């Protein structure tokens, strides 16, 4: 037997038993105390008086609980130094506990910074376990090579900030970094709530994945969708500039896709844990094609959500043209937000999205109205200048006519003969009615 009497179990000190495995478990509890307090037990106290109180069943004196000790470790330490040997865990139970414990649950708590915004955050300790999954961090700690892993089905969430370039231009770099920190802290908190593994952040982009490190086979799409909806909600609470609330709050667009990926540690200098595969590209497409304060998902994610979370509202948006993939059906997650986006400037056409033939026809009609209005103004100007109203000029193919921009010149053609690509036509009655507002369709289709 080694060590001082402070490490010996009370039943052994009383002479009621020999040295048993239960006595060893009691010694482990005292060692736990040393690890987190960084000092010997009962430091500065009288040896005889302390041992008498340790052995007294009515007192059961034990060391004070270290303030830096995580709750999970406090619980096991108390079990290990129980006054009744039969209540202590046996060696096998203790070994299983230590083996299964996440290192992050055993790291000392920060207690010296009363102004810290991160309450009960663990000391940095080994940052590997915050940057990599546990089994990957274990391998890296032991100098082992990490092999690529195939994951048959995960759900990936991408998000970025709307108008981030403009925000970065208006704010100082310090304020931009502080804004991103406030946003990503909120995201990180939600990631823990929904068991989302944070893969990385690049600039204003945030990438998370489910069913990668935790067993979420039957819930990964649901958890990812709830996380995505929460991202939109939390972003709307973050001020762009805390010193100038008039700048408003952040708005984000979010994309979600499900499918297989390969994970691997890339590089040796500042190694990165990366996901590779077409699923990542498609998730990025969902995000870039989404709109402010909305979540857009693929058809594959939509089908999984119908199984895992039928209570989440899904609204079909239409088809998304993806390079090398063709058209993909896409869906709004959680319905359409109440946020009203700014009206479009001039007649525009959403390339790659055709909800139905009716929408296409409606947009073509609106393009034609804008074109006829511009030409009418040009002919009116010509009449004032030359006292001779000329015919309306119309592009030969109205359906393929690009809308006139604000900077486009409306100077009338001065030649007696029309250009080769333009033909002279009379204005039909139905076009005149539309131009004059008799039967035009002015409904805003910006919600498409």
Foldseek 3Di string as FASTA:
>chain_A
DDDDCLLFALCVVVVNDDDDQLRVLSSVLQVLQCVQQVDHFPPPDDPVVQSVQCNDPVRVDDGDRRPFFAPVSVVLSCQSRPNDSVSHDGPVVVVVCVVPDQVLRGATFDDPDPPDPDPRHGDCPPVLVLQDPRVVSVCVVVVHFDDKDKDFKKKKKKKFWPPLVVLPVVDDPVLLVVLLVQLVVQLVVLCVVLVWRWQDDDRRMTMTMPCPRDNQPLCRLVSNLVSQLVSQVSQQVGASGPVDNVVHTIWMFMEMEMGMWMWHFDDDVPIGIDTDDVRVVVRVVQRVPTDTSWYKYFPRSVVSCCRRPVVWDKAWQAWAQDVPPGTTTMIITNDFDPDDDDADDFQDDDPRGDRDVVVLVLSLLRLLLQVVVLQVVQQVVVCVVPVDRDAGKDFPDSSPDDHDDPPDDSHDDPDPDDDPRIDGDHDDPVSVCCNVVNDRDPDGPVSD
